[in-house]
Amino acid sequence: MLVISRTDFYHLVATLPEFAVRYREILELGFIMTQKRIYGFQGFDALEKVKWIITNQPHFLLRVSNKMAASYSEIPPSTISKIKPTLNQLAYCIFVPVGFKYNEV
């Protein structure tokens, strides 16, 4: 893993146009995803929100606490607790390519 100080990072942004372009693209994508989530969730029920998260950010719900997932998705923590055990299987079914052989370790 590489580590860079904030000062050095912004020095790269200021001095290397290619680095600045990539940095801006990452920021723009983050902004777009946030806007889609905020405005898209307004009309969704809990199941539709979970489907959106699984489709667009497949491992998010499996990597964060129920409290964080509830805050992000605007779903009550109790609902997250109920659906989280099935998410691993759901994510596997959605994202595993056809013909892929799963070997349990």
C-alpha atoms as a PDB file:
ATOM      1  CA  MET A   1       0.000   0.000   0.000  1.00  0.00           C
ATOM      2  CA  LEU A   2       1.271   3.462  -0.847  1.00  0.00           C
ATOM      3  CA  VAL A   3       0.825   6.327   1.564  1.00  0.00           C
ATOM      4  CA  ILE A   4       1.004   9.964   0.567  1.00  0.00           C
ATOM      5  CA  SER A   5       0.594  13.059   2.691  1.00  0.00           C
ATOM      6  CA  ARG A   6      -2.230  15.477   2.002  1.00  0.00           C
ATOM      7  CA  THR A   7       0.293  18.195   1.090  1.00  0.00           C
ATOM      8  CA  ASP A   8       2.075  15.933  -1.409  1.00  0.00           C
ATOM      9  CA  PHE A   9      -1.231  14.764  -2.855  1.00  0.00           C
ATOM     10  CA  TYR A  10      -2.419  18.290  -3.568  1.00  0.00           C
ATOM     11  CA  HIS A  11       1.020  19.154  -4.918  1.00  0.00           C
ATOM     12  CA  LEU A  12       0.559  16.357  -7.480  1.00  0.00           C
ATOM     13  CA  VAL A  13      -2.909  17.673  -8.335  1.00  0.00           C
ATOM     14  CA  ALA A  14      -1.464  21.153  -8.856  1.00  0.00           C
ATOM     15  CA  THR A  15       1.578  20.124 -10.890  1.00  0.00           C
ATOM     16  CA  LEU A  16       0.481  17.107 -12.954  1.00  0.00           C
ATOM     17  CA  PRO A  17      -2.501  17.766 -15.233  1.00  0.00           C
ATOM     18  CA  GLU A  18      -3.088  14.016 -15.766  1.00  0.00           C
ATOM     19  CA  PHE A  19      -3.271  13.449 -12.024  1.00  0.00           C
ATOM     20  CA  ALA A  20      -5.665  16.398 -11.650  1.00  0.00           C
ATOM     21  CA  VAL A  21      -7.929  14.990 -14.383  1.00  0.00           C
ATOM     22  CA  ARG A  22      -8.121  11.549 -12.719  1.00  0.00           C
ATOM     23  CA  TYR A  23      -8.746  13.118  -9.321  1.00  0.00           C
ATOM     24  CA  ARG A  24     -11.581  15.247 -10.745  1.00  0.00           C
ATOM     25  CA  GLU A  25     -13.104  12.192 -12.487  1.00  0.00           C
ATOM     26  CA  ILE A  26     -13.112  10.269  -9.196  1.00  0.00           C
ATOM     27  CA  LEU A  27     -14.754  13.200  -7.400  1.00  0.00           C
ATOM     28  CA  GLU A  28     -17.356  13.564 -10.156  1.00  0.00           C
ATOM     29  CA  LEU A  29     -18.222   9.854 -10.060  1.00  0.00           C
ATOM     30  CA  GLY A  30     -18.601  10.016  -6.288  1.00  0.00           C
ATOM     31  CA  PHE A  31     -20.880  13.031  -6.613  1.00  0.00           C
ATOM     32  CA  ILE A  32     -22.992  11.372  -9.298  1.00  0.00           C
ATOM     33  CA  MET A  33     -23.410   8.178  -7.244  1.00  0.00           C
ATOM     34  CA  THR A  34     -24.443  10.226  -4.213  1.00  0.00           C
ATOM     35  CA  GLN A  35     -26.984  12.197  -6.222  1.00  0.00           C
ATOM     36  CA  LYS A  36     -28.431   9.017  -7.758  1.00  0.00           C
ATOM     37  CA  ARG A  37     -28.747   7.467  -4.312  1.00  0.00           C
ATOM     38  CA  ILE A  38     -30.349  10.526  -2.704  1.00  0.00           C
ATOM     39  CA  TYR A  39     -32.822  11.318  -5.462  1.00  0.00           C
ATOM     40  CA  GLY A  40     -33.444   7.716  -6.478  1.00  0.00           C
ATOM     41  CA  PHE A  41     -34.210   6.590  -2.932  1.00  0.00           C
ATOM     42  CA  GLN A  42     -36.991   9.137  -2.523  1.00  0.00           C
ATOM     43  CA  GLY A  43     -39.518   6.925  -4.293  1.00  0.00           C
ATOM     44  CA  PHE A  44     -38.118   3.515  -3.307  1.00  0.00           C
ATOM     45  CA  ASP A  45     -39.394   1.173  -0.655  1.00  0.00           C
ATOM     46  CA  ALA A  46     -36.886  -0.785   1.485  1.00  0.00           C
ATOM     47  CA  LEU A  47     -36.591  -3.708  -0.941  1.00  0.00           C
ATOM     48  CA  GLU A  48     -35.993  -1.434  -3.932  1.00  0.00           C
ATOM     49  CA  LYS A  49     -33.282   0.407  -1.978  1.00  0.00           C
ATOM     50  CA  VAL A  50     -31.538  -2.868  -1.159  1.00  0.00           C
ATOM     51  CA  LYS A  51     -31.747  -3.997  -4.796  1.00  0.00           C
ATOM     52  CA  TRP A  52     -30.244  -0.685  -5.923  1.00  0.00           C
ATOM     53  CA  ILE A  53     -27.390  -0.980  -3.438  1.00  0.00           C
ATOM     54  CA  ILE A  54     -26.692  -4.603  -4.429  1.00  0.00           C
ATOM     55  CA  THR A  55     -26.662  -3.654  -8.113  1.00  0.00           C
ATOM     56  CA  ASN A  56     -24.570  -0.489  -7.780  1.00  0.00           C
ATOM     57  CA  GLN A  57     -22.432  -1.200  -4.704  1.00  0.00           C
ATOM     58  CA  PRO A  58     -22.560  -4.979  -4.278  1.00  0.00           C
ATOM     59  CA  HIS A  59     -20.377  -5.438  -1.195  1.00  0.00           C
ATOM     60  CA  PHE A  60     -21.319  -2.295   0.702  1.00  0.00           C
ATOM     61  CA  LEU A  61     -23.938  -3.851   2.991  1.00  0.00           C
ATOM     62  CA  LEU A  62     -21.648  -6.748   3.808  1.00  0.00           C
ATOM     63  CA  ARG A  63     -18.720  -4.522   4.814  1.00  0.00           C
ATOM     64  CA  VAL A  64     -20.318  -1.933   7.088  1.00  0.00           C
ATOM     65  CA  SER A  65     -22.204  -2.069  10.358  1.00  0.00           C
ATOM     66  CA  ASN A  66     -25.990  -2.237  10.364  1.00  0.00           C
ATOM     67  CA  LYS A  67     -26.108   1.267  11.820  1.00  0.00           C
ATOM     68  CA  MET A  68     -24.018   2.698   8.967  1.00  0.00           C
ATOM     69  CA  ALA A  69     -25.971   0.753   6.340  1.00  0.00           C
ATOM     70  CA  ALA A  70     -29.250   1.991   7.820  1.00  0.00           C
ATOM     71  CA  SER A  71     -28.067   5.592   7.768  1.00  0.00           C
ATOM     72  CA  TYR A  72     -26.813   5.311   4.178  1.00  0.00           C
ATOM     73  CA  SER A  73     -29.878   3.550   2.827  1.00  0.00           C
ATOM     74  CA  GLU A  74     -32.494   5.267   4.993  1.00  0.00           C
ATOM     75  CA  ILE A  75     -33.779   1.834   6.018  1.00  0.00           C
ATOM     76  CA  PRO A  76     -34.457   1.100   9.712  1.00  0.00           C
ATOM     77  CA  PRO A  77     -31.603  -0.832  11.384  1.00  0.00           C
ATOM     78  CA  SER A  78     -34.011  -3.633  12.323  1.00  0.00           C
ATOM     79  CA  THR A  79     -34.829  -4.174   8.634  1.00  0.00           C
ATOM     80  CA  ILE A  80     -31.125  -4.234   7.751  1.00  0.00           C
ATOM     81  CA  SER A  81     -30.576  -6.836  10.483  1.00  0.00           C
ATOM     82  CA  LYS A  82     -33.312  -9.026   9.005  1.00  0.00           C
ATOM     83  CA  ILE A  83     -32.083  -8.915   5.411  1.00  0.00           C
ATOM     84  CA  LYS A  84     -28.321  -8.879   5.935  1.00  0.00           C
ATOM     85  CA  PRO A  85     -27.964 -12.668   6.457  1.00  0.00           C
ATOM     86  CA  THR A  86     -29.404 -13.294   2.991  1.00  0.00           C
ATOM     87  CA  LEU A  87     -27.347 -10.623   1.224  1.00  0.00           C
ATOM     88  CA  ASN A  88     -24.238 -12.732   0.749  1.00  0.00           C
ATOM     89  CA  GLN A  89     -26.210 -15.357  -1.167  1.00  0.00           C
ATOM     90  CA  LEU A  90     -28.148 -12.664  -3.049  1.00  0.00           C
ATOM     91  CA  ALA A  91     -24.954 -10.862  -4.092  1.00  0.00           C
ATOM     92  CA  TYR A  92     -23.408 -14.188  -5.131  1.00  0.00           C
ATOM     93  CA  CYS A  93     -26.417 -15.038  -7.320  1.00  0.00           C
ATOM     94  CA  ILE A  94     -26.442 -11.644  -9.000  1.00  0.00           C
ATOM     95  CA  PHE A  95     -22.740 -11.190  -9.684  1.00  0.00           C
ATOM     96  CA  VAL A  96     -21.272 -14.644 -10.322  1.00  0.00           C
ATOM     97  CA  PRO A  97     -20.729 -15.244 -14.045  1.00  0.00           C
ATOM     98  CA  VAL A  98     -22.548 -18.123 -15.723  1.00  0.00           C
ATOM     99  CA  GLY A  99     -20.434 -21.257 -15.655  1.00  0.00           C
ATOM    100  CA  PHE A 100     -18.397 -20.121 -12.642  1.00  0.00           C
ATOM    101  CA  LYS A 101     -17.618 -23.023 -10.283  1.00  0.00           C
ATOM    102  CA  TYR A 102     -17.658 -22.074  -6.615  1.00  0.00           C
ATOM    103  CA  ASN A 103     -15.275 -24.098  -4.457  1.00  0.00           C
ATOM    104  CA  GLU A 104     -15.835 -23.790  -0.738  1.00  0.00           C
ATOM    105  CA  VAL A 105     -12.664 -23.573   1.288  1.00  0.00           C
END
